[in-house]
PDB file of N, CA and C in Angstrom:
ATOM      1  N   UNK A   1     -95.159 -37.467-124.499  1.00  0.00           N
ATOM      2  CA  UNK A   1     -93.762 -37.235-124.221  1.00  0.00           C
ATOM      3  C   UNK A   1     -93.005 -38.504-124.623  1.00  0.00           C
ATOM      4  N   UNK A   2     -91.909 -38.334-125.315  1.00  0.00           N
ATOM      5  CA  UNK A   2     -91.118 -39.495-125.695  1.00  0.00           C
ATOM      6  C   UNK A   2     -90.166 -39.894-124.564  1.00  0.00           C
ATOM      7  N   UNK A   3     -89.539 -41.031-124.721  1.00  0.00           N
ATOM      8  CA  UNK A   3     -88.685 -41.579-123.662  1.00  0.00           C
ATOM      9  C   UNK A   3     -87.509 -40.655-123.337  1.00  0.00           C
ATOM     10  N   UNK A   4     -86.876 -40.087-124.347  1.00  0.00           N
ATOM     11  CA  UNK A   4     -85.733 -39.192-124.118  1.00  0.00           C
ATOM     12  C   UNK A   4     -86.147 -37.979-123.292  1.00  0.00           C
ATOM     13  N   UNK A   5     -87.287 -37.402-123.614  1.00  0.00           N
ATOM     14  CA  UNK A   5     -87.771 -36.247-122.853  1.00  0.00           C
ATOM     15  C   UNK A   5     -88.082 -36.628-121.418  1.00  0.00           C
ATOM     16  N   UNK A   6     -88.722 -37.775-121.236  1.00  0.00           N
ATOM     17  CA  UNK A   6     -89.064 -38.230-119.881  1.00  0.00           C
ATOM     18  C   UNK A   6     -87.805 -38.406-119.042  1.00  0.00           C
ATOM     19  N   UNK A   7     -86.781 -39.021-119.619  1.00  0.00           N
ATOM     20  CA  UNK A   7     -85.521 -39.209-118.903  1.00  0.00           C
ATOM     21  C   UNK A   7     -84.904 -37.855-118.564  1.00  0.00           C
ATOM     22  N   UNK A   8     -84.980 -36.912-119.492  1.00  0.00           N
ATOM     23  CA  UNK A   8     -84.445 -35.573-119.248  1.00  0.00           C
ATOM     24  C   UNK A   8     -85.155 -34.855-118.113  1.00  0.00           C
ATOM     25  N   UNK A   9     -86.475 -34.951-118.078  1.00  0.00           N
ATOM     26  CA  UNK A   9     -87.240 -34.307-117.010  1.00  0.00           C
ATOM     27  C   UNK A   9     -86.939 -34.938-115.649  1.00  0.00           C
ATOM     28  N   UNK A  10     -86.784 -36.238-115.634  1.00  0.00           N
ATOM     29  CA  UNK A  10     -86.420 -36.921-114.380  1.00  0.00           C
ATOM     30  C   UNK A  10     -85.039 -36.482-113.928  1.00  0.00           C
ATOM     31  N   UNK A  11     -84.117 -36.366-114.861  1.00  0.00           N
ATOM     32  CA  UNK A  11     -82.756 -35.916-114.524  1.00  0.00           C
ATOM     33  C   UNK A  11     -82.774 -34.505-113.933  1.00  0.00           C
ATOM     34  N   UNK A  12     -83.547 -33.613-114.546  1.00  0.00           N
ATOM     35  CA  UNK A  12     -83.637 -32.238-114.040  1.00  0.00           C
ATOM     36  C   UNK A  12     -84.204 -32.230-112.625  1.00  0.00           C
ATOM     37  N   UNK A  13     -85.241 -33.029-112.389  1.00  0.00           N
ATOM     38  CA  UNK A  13     -85.820 -33.097-111.042  1.00  0.00           C
ATOM     39  C   UNK A  13     -84.781 -33.574-110.034  1.00  0.00           C
ATOM     40  N   UNK A  14     -84.027 -34.593-110.387  1.00  0.00           N
ATOM     41  CA  UNK A  14     -82.977 -35.106-109.494  1.00  0.00           C
ATOM     42  C   UNK A  14     -81.928 -34.026-109.210  1.00  0.00           C
ATOM     43  N   UNK A  15     -81.552 -33.284-110.237  1.00  0.00           N
ATOM     44  CA  UNK A  15     -80.585 -32.196-110.041  1.00  0.00           C
ATOM     45  C   UNK A  15     -81.143 -31.121-109.119  1.00  0.00           C
ATOM     46  N   UNK A  16     -82.419 -30.783-109.297  1.00  0.00           N
ATOM     47  CA  UNK A  16     -83.037 -29.788-108.423  1.00  0.00           C
ATOM     48  C   UNK A  16     -83.028 -30.269-106.973  1.00  0.00           C
ATOM     49  N   UNK A  17     -83.342 -31.517-106.758  1.00  0.00           N
ATOM     50  CA  UNK A  17     -83.367 -32.059-105.403  1.00  0.00           C
ATOM     51  C   UNK A  17     -81.994 -32.011-104.744  1.00  0.00           C
ATOM     52  N   UNK A  18     -80.942 -32.117-105.569  1.00  0.00           N
ATOM     53  CA  UNK A  18     -79.571 -32.127-105.048  1.00  0.00           C
ATOM     54  C   UNK A  18     -78.867 -30.776-105.156  1.00  0.00           C
ATOM     55  N   UNK A  19     -79.548 -29.778-105.702  1.00  0.00           N
ATOM     56  CA  UNK A  19     -78.939 -28.456-105.850  1.00  0.00           C
ATOM     57  C   UNK A  19     -77.819 -28.424-106.863  1.00  0.00           C
ATOM     58  N   UNK A  20     -77.911 -29.257-107.901  1.00  0.00           N
ATOM     59  CA  UNK A  20     -76.856 -29.379-108.903  1.00  0.00           C
ATOM     60  C   UNK A  20     -77.281 -28.770-110.231  1.00  0.00           C
ATOM     61  N   UNK A  21     -76.301 -28.247-110.955  1.00  0.00           N
ATOM     62  CA  UNK A  21     -76.561 -27.663-112.268  1.00  0.00           C
ATOM     63  C   UNK A  21     -77.086 -28.733-113.229  1.00  0.00           C
ATOM     64  N   UNK A  22     -78.062 -28.359-114.026  1.00  0.00           N
ATOM     65  CA  UNK A  22     -78.527 -29.211-115.112  1.00  0.00           C
ATOM     66  C   UNK A  22     -78.392 -28.419-116.403  1.00  0.00           C
ATOM     67  N   UNK A  23     -78.178 -29.123-117.499  1.00  0.00           N
ATOM     68  CA  UNK A  23     -77.911 -28.441-118.759  1.00  0.00           C
ATOM     69  C   UNK A  23     -79.070 -28.515-119.742  1.00  0.00           C
ATOM     70  N   UNK A  24     -80.034 -29.382-119.469  1.00  0.00           N
ATOM     71  CA  UNK A  24     -81.166 -29.534-120.374  1.00  0.00           C
ATOM     72  C   UNK A  24     -82.310 -28.670-119.877  1.00  0.00           C
ATOM     73  N   UNK A  25     -82.799 -27.758-120.687  1.00  0.00           N
ATOM     74  CA  UNK A  25     -83.852 -26.839-120.286  1.00  0.00           C
ATOM     75  C   UNK A  25     -85.219 -27.515-120.366  1.00  0.00           C
ATOM     76  N   UNK A  26     -85.968 -27.407-119.286  1.00  0.00           N
ATOM     77  CA  UNK A  26     -87.351 -27.867-119.279  1.00  0.00           C
ATOM     78  C   UNK A  26     -88.254 -26.640-119.451  1.00  0.00           C
ATOM     79  N   UNK A  27     -89.509 -26.866-119.768  1.00  0.00           N
ATOM     80  CA  UNK A  27     -90.378 -25.722-120.035  1.00  0.00           C
ATOM     81  C   UNK A  27     -90.769 -24.995-118.736  1.00  0.00           C
ATOM     82  N   UNK A  28     -91.378 -23.843-118.902  1.00  0.00           N
ATOM     83  CA  UNK A  28     -91.744 -22.995-117.762  1.00  0.00           C
ATOM     84  C   UNK A  28     -92.756 -23.686-116.855  1.00  0.00           C
ATOM     85  N   UNK A  29     -93.736 -24.334-117.452  1.00  0.00           N
ATOM     86  CA  UNK A  29     -94.748 -25.017-116.647  1.00  0.00           C
ATOM     87  C   UNK A  29     -94.092 -26.057-115.742  1.00  0.00           C
ATOM     88  N   UNK A  30     -93.200 -26.862-116.296  1.00  0.00           N
ATOM     89  CA  UNK A  30     -92.535 -27.907-115.512  1.00  0.00           C
ATOM     90  C   UNK A  30     -91.636 -27.297-114.440  1.00  0.00           C
ATOM     91  N   UNK A  31     -90.955 -26.220-114.761  1.00  0.00           N
ATOM     92  CA  UNK A  31     -90.098 -25.562-113.773  1.00  0.00           C
ATOM     93  C   UNK A  31     -90.926 -25.080-112.593  1.00  0.00           C
ATOM     94  N   UNK A  32     -92.027 -24.418-112.877  1.00  0.00           N
ATOM     95  CA  UNK A  32     -92.908 -23.920-111.827  1.00  0.00           C
ATOM     96  C   UNK A  32     -93.501 -25.086-111.025  1.00  0.00           C
ATOM     97  N   UNK A  33     -93.929 -26.114-111.714  1.00  0.00           N
ATOM     98  CA  UNK A  33     -94.515 -27.276-111.049  1.00  0.00           C
ATOM     99  C   UNK A  33     -93.489 -27.965-110.150  1.00  0.00           C
ATOM    100  N   UNK A  34     -92.287 -28.173-110.659  1.00  0.00           N
ATOM    101  CA  UNK A  34     -91.240 -28.818-109.853  1.00  0.00           C
ATOM    102  C   UNK A  34     -90.929 -27.994-108.601  1.00  0.00           C
ATOM    103  N   UNK A  35     -90.731 -26.683-108.774  1.00  0.00           N
ATOM    104  CA  UNK A  35     -90.387 -25.851-107.622  1.00  0.00           C
ATOM    105  C   UNK A  35     -91.515 -25.842-106.594  1.00  0.00           C
ATOM    106  N   UNK A  36     -92.747 -25.730-107.054  1.00  0.00           N
ATOM    107  CA  UNK A  36     -93.880 -25.756-106.131  1.00  0.00           C
ATOM    108  C   UNK A  36     -93.997 -27.083-105.407  1.00  0.00           C
ATOM    109  N   UNK A  37     -93.803 -28.172-106.116  1.00  0.00           N
ATOM    110  CA  UNK A  37     -93.879 -29.504-105.510  1.00  0.00           C
ATOM    111  C   UNK A  37     -92.744 -29.733-104.522  1.00  0.00           C
ATOM    112  N   UNK A  38     -91.560 -29.299-104.886  1.00  0.00           N
ATOM    113  CA  UNK A  38     -90.411 -29.451-103.985  1.00  0.00           C
ATOM    114  C   UNK A  38     -90.638 -28.643-102.719  1.00  0.00           C
ATOM    115  N   UNK A  39     -91.169 -27.448-102.860  1.00  0.00           N
ATOM    116  CA  UNK A  39     -91.462 -26.628-101.674  1.00  0.00           C
ATOM    117  C   UNK A  39     -92.496 -27.317-100.788  1.00  0.00           C
ATOM    118  N   UNK A  40     -93.548 -27.817-101.388  1.00  0.00           N
ATOM    119  CA  UNK A  40     -94.612 -28.486-100.640  1.00  0.00           C
ATOM    120  C   UNK A  40     -94.103 -29.755 -99.942  1.00  0.00           C
ATOM    121  N   UNK A  41     -93.314 -30.547-100.637  1.00  0.00           N
ATOM    122  CA  UNK A  41     -92.884 -31.844-100.118  1.00  0.00           C
ATOM    123  C   UNK A  41     -91.626 -31.788 -99.251  1.00  0.00           C
ATOM    124  N   UNK A  42     -90.777 -30.784 -99.464  1.00  0.00           N
ATOM    125  CA  UNK A  42     -89.476 -30.747 -98.789  1.00  0.00           C
ATOM    126  C   UNK A  42     -89.189 -29.447 -98.047  1.00  0.00           C
ATOM    127  N   UNK A  43     -90.144 -28.549 -98.033  1.00  0.00           N
ATOM    128  CA  UNK A  43     -89.987 -27.312 -97.282  1.00  0.00           C
ATOM    129  C   UNK A  43     -89.003 -26.339 -97.905  1.00  0.00           C
ATOM    130  N   UNK A  44     -88.673 -25.341 -97.130  1.00  0.00           N
ATOM    131  CA  UNK A  44     -87.786 -24.267 -97.607  1.00  0.00           C
ATOM    132  C   UNK A  44     -86.395 -24.792 -97.932  1.00  0.00           C
ATOM    133  N   UNK A  45     -85.871 -25.722 -97.132  1.00  0.00           N
ATOM    134  CA  UNK A  45     -84.536 -26.257 -97.429  1.00  0.00           C
ATOM    135  C   UNK A  45     -84.503 -26.947 -98.784  1.00  0.00           C
ATOM    136  N   UNK A  46     -85.520 -27.726 -99.079  1.00  0.00           N
ATOM    137  CA  UNK A  46     -85.594 -28.370-100.382  1.00  0.00           C
ATOM    138  C   UNK A  46     -85.719 -27.355-101.504  1.00  0.00           C
ATOM    139  N   UNK A  47     -86.524 -26.322-101.268  1.00  0.00           N
ATOM    140  CA  UNK A  47     -86.693 -25.270-102.263  1.00  0.00           C
ATOM    141  C   UNK A  47     -85.378 -24.530-102.491  1.00  0.00           C
ATOM    142  N   UNK A  48     -84.626 -24.290-101.442  1.00  0.00           N
ATOM    143  CA  UNK A  48     -83.333 -23.622-101.602  1.00  0.00           C
ATOM    144  C   UNK A  48     -82.402 -24.438-102.495  1.00  0.00           C
ATOM    145  N   UNK A  49     -82.362 -25.748-102.302  1.00  0.00           N
ATOM    146  CA  UNK A  49     -81.547 -26.607-103.171  1.00  0.00           C
ATOM    147  C   UNK A  49     -82.003 -26.489-104.623  1.00  0.00           C
ATOM    148  N   UNK A  50     -83.300 -26.566-104.828  1.00  0.00           N
ATOM    149  CA  UNK A  50     -83.842 -26.500-106.184  1.00  0.00           C
ATOM    150  C   UNK A  50     -83.535 -25.151-106.831  1.00  0.00           C
ATOM    151  N   UNK A  51     -83.661 -24.084-106.074  1.00  0.00           N
ATOM    152  CA  UNK A  51     -83.359 -22.758-106.616  1.00  0.00           C
ATOM    153  C   UNK A  51     -81.888 -22.620-106.962  1.00  0.00           C
ATOM    154  N   UNK A  52     -81.018 -23.231-106.188  1.00  0.00           N
ATOM    155  CA  UNK A  52     -79.590 -23.220-106.513  1.00  0.00           C
ATOM    156  C   UNK A  52     -79.361 -23.915-107.855  1.00  0.00           C
ATOM    157  N   UNK A  53     -80.044 -25.026-108.074  1.00  0.00           N
ATOM    158  CA  UNK A  53     -79.921 -25.734-109.349  1.00  0.00           C
ATOM    159  C   UNK A  53     -80.425 -24.874-110.503  1.00  0.00           C
ATOM    160  N   UNK A  54     -81.555 -24.209-110.311  1.00  0.00           N
ATOM    161  CA  UNK A  54     -82.106 -23.343-111.364  1.00  0.00           C
ATOM    162  C   UNK A  54     -81.161 -22.179-111.626  1.00  0.00           C
ATOM    163  N   UNK A  55     -80.611 -21.592-110.574  1.00  0.00           N
ATOM    164  CA  UNK A  55     -79.665 -20.481-110.752  1.00  0.00           C
ATOM    165  C   UNK A  55     -78.462 -20.925-111.571  1.00  0.00           C
ATOM    166  N   UNK A  56     -77.916 -22.095-111.248  1.00  0.00           N
ATOM    167  CA  UNK A  56     -76.778 -22.604-111.995  1.00  0.00           C
ATOM    168  C   UNK A  56     -77.151 -22.873-113.452  1.00  0.00           C
ATOM    169  N   UNK A  57     -78.355 -23.363-113.667  1.00  0.00           N
ATOM    170  CA  UNK A  57     -78.821 -23.600-115.032  1.00  0.00           C
ATOM    171  C   UNK A  57     -78.928 -22.287-115.805  1.00  0.00           C
ATOM    172  N   UNK A  58     -79.483 -21.277-115.170  1.00  0.00           N
ATOM    173  CA  UNK A  58     -79.598 -19.969-115.818  1.00  0.00           C
ATOM    174  C   UNK A  58     -78.223 -19.397-116.151  1.00  0.00           C
ATOM    175  N   UNK A  59     -77.251 -19.589-115.259  1.00  0.00           N
ATOM    176  CA  UNK A  59     -75.884 -19.125-115.515  1.00  0.00           C
ATOM    177  C   UNK A  59     -75.231 -19.919-116.644  1.00  0.00           C
ATOM    178  N   UNK A  60     -75.557 -21.197-116.739  1.00  0.00           N
ATOM    179  CA  UNK A  60     -74.961 -22.079-117.743  1.00  0.00           C
ATOM    180  C   UNK A  60     -75.441 -21.750-119.161  1.00  0.00           C
ATOM    181  N   UNK A  61     -76.713 -21.482-119.309  1.00  0.00           N
ATOM    182  CA  UNK A  61     -77.289 -21.258-120.632  1.00  0.00           C
ATOM    183  C   UNK A  61     -76.837 -19.927-121.215  1.00  0.00           C
ATOM    184  N   UNK A  62     -76.609 -19.913-122.516  1.00  0.00           N
ATOM    185  CA  UNK A  62     -76.121 -18.695-123.166  1.00  0.00           C
ATOM    186  C   UNK A  62     -77.234 -17.882-123.826  1.00  0.00           C
ATOM    187  N   UNK A  63     -78.340 -18.510-124.187  1.00  0.00           N
ATOM    188  CA  UNK A  63     -79.440 -17.793-124.826  1.00  0.00           C
ATOM    189  C   UNK A  63     -80.413 -17.321-123.751  1.00  0.00           C
ATOM    190  N   UNK A  64     -80.120 -16.172-123.184  1.00  0.00           N
ATOM    191  CA  UNK A  64     -80.864 -15.671-122.033  1.00  0.00           C
ATOM    192  C   UNK A  64     -82.289 -15.253-122.369  1.00  0.00           C
ATOM    193  N   UNK A  65     -82.560 -14.897-123.620  1.00  0.00           N
ATOM    194  CA  UNK A  65     -83.919 -14.470-123.978  1.00  0.00           C
ATOM    195  C   UNK A  65     -84.914 -15.618-123.849  1.00  0.00           C
ATOM    196  N   UNK A  66     -84.494 -16.817-124.200  1.00  0.00           N
ATOM    197  CA  UNK A  66     -85.380 -17.978-124.108  1.00  0.00           C
ATOM    198  C   UNK A  66     -85.741 -18.264-122.652  1.00  0.00           C
ATOM    199  N   UNK A  67     -84.859 -17.926-121.742  1.00  0.00           N
ATOM    200  CA  UNK A  67     -85.044 -18.276-120.341  1.00  0.00           C
ATOM    201  C   UNK A  67     -85.724 -17.192-119.510  1.00  0.00           C
ATOM    202  N   UNK A  68     -86.231 -16.160-120.129  1.00  0.00           N
ATOM    203  CA  UNK A  68     -86.852 -15.079-119.355  1.00  0.00           C
ATOM    204  C   UNK A  68     -87.986 -15.571-118.474  1.00  0.00           C
ATOM    205  N   UNK A  69     -88.826 -16.458-118.978  1.00  0.00           N
ATOM    206  CA  UNK A  69     -89.931 -16.995-118.182  1.00  0.00           C
ATOM    207  C   UNK A  69     -89.433 -17.814-117.006  1.00  0.00           C
ATOM    208  N   UNK A  70     -88.406 -18.608-117.226  1.00  0.00           N
ATOM    209  CA  UNK A  70     -87.835 -19.403-116.139  1.00  0.00           C
ATOM    210  C   UNK A  70     -87.184 -18.486-115.110  1.00  0.00           C
ATOM    211  N   UNK A  71     -86.550 -17.426-115.573  1.00  0.00           N
ATOM    212  CA  UNK A  71     -85.941 -16.454-114.659  1.00  0.00           C
ATOM    213  C   UNK A  71     -87.013 -15.806-113.776  1.00  0.00           C
ATOM    214  N   UNK A  72     -88.172 -15.495-114.342  1.00  0.00           N
ATOM    215  CA  UNK A  72     -89.269 -14.916-113.562  1.00  0.00           C
ATOM    216  C   UNK A  72     -89.773 -15.908-112.513  1.00  0.00           C
ATOM    217  N   UNK A  73     -89.891 -17.166-112.889  1.00  0.00           N
ATOM    218  CA  UNK A  73     -90.318 -18.207-111.946  1.00  0.00           C
ATOM    219  C   UNK A  73     -89.289 -18.351-110.829  1.00  0.00           C
ATOM    220  N   UNK A  74     -88.022 -18.326-111.186  1.00  0.00           N
ATOM    221  CA  UNK A  74     -86.940 -18.405-110.201  1.00  0.00           C
ATOM    222  C   UNK A  74     -87.076 -17.285-109.172  1.00  0.00           C
ATOM    223  N   UNK A  75     -87.283 -16.067-109.640  1.00  0.00           N
ATOM    224  CA  UNK A  75     -87.388 -14.920-108.729  1.00  0.00           C
ATOM    225  C   UNK A  75     -88.650 -14.991-107.867  1.00  0.00           C
ATOM    226  N   UNK A  76     -89.728 -15.536-108.423  1.00  0.00           N
ATOM    227  CA  UNK A  76     -90.963 -15.706-107.640  1.00  0.00           C
ATOM    228  C   UNK A  76     -90.700 -16.605-106.430  1.00  0.00           C
ATOM    229  N   UNK A  77     -90.024 -17.711-106.636  1.00  0.00           N
ATOM    230  CA  UNK A  77     -89.747 -18.636-105.535  1.00  0.00           C
ATOM    231  C   UNK A  77     -88.627 -18.126-104.628  1.00  0.00           C
ATOM    232  N   UNK A  78     -87.704 -17.360-105.184  1.00  0.00           N
ATOM    233  CA  UNK A  78     -86.637 -16.783-104.372  1.00  0.00           C
ATOM    234  C   UNK A  78     -87.226 -15.829-103.331  1.00  0.00           C
ATOM    235  N   UNK A  79     -88.263 -15.095-103.703  1.00  0.00           N
ATOM    236  CA  UNK A  79     -88.942 -14.205-102.761  1.00  0.00           C
ATOM    237  C   UNK A  79     -89.540 -14.993-101.607  1.00  0.00           C
ATOM    238  N   UNK A  80     -90.083 -16.162-101.891  1.00  0.00           N
ATOM    239  CA  UNK A  80     -90.643 -17.008-100.822  1.00  0.00           C
ATOM    240  C   UNK A  80     -89.561 -17.430 -99.831  1.00  0.00           C
ATOM    241  N   UNK A  81     -88.391 -17.754-100.345  1.00  0.00           N
ATOM    242  CA  UNK A  81     -87.292 -18.185 -99.476  1.00  0.00           C
ATOM    243  C   UNK A  81     -86.818 -17.029 -98.613  1.00  0.00           C
ATOM    244  N   UNK A  82     -86.759 -15.845 -99.177  1.00  0.00           N
ATOM    245  CA  UNK A  82     -86.264 -14.673 -98.433  1.00  0.00           C
ATOM    246  C   UNK A  82     -87.252 -14.228 -97.366  1.00  0.00           C
ATOM    247  N   UNK A  83     -88.527 -14.530 -97.553  1.00  0.00           N
ATOM    248  CA  UNK A  83     -89.540 -14.129 -96.572  1.00  0.00           C
ATOM    249  C   UNK A  83     -89.674 -15.178 -95.568  1.00  0.00           C
TER     250      UNK A  83
END
């Protein structure tokens, strides 16, 4: 991973922790890993913040076909919050 990518991934993680929209798309594996880690380390409240950030990111992006996998991951974790 190059420095620019590393900075981008760190920024996305920070946005997830704060429930803020991010504009740089990370891959599906990283999205799933971040959400799982946030849930494990910060509980449901932390996961809710992260899901809000992912939702805002999905709304922000215009190429919805590319984000289908991320959308599926989002819904998987959303079910955990609702239960």
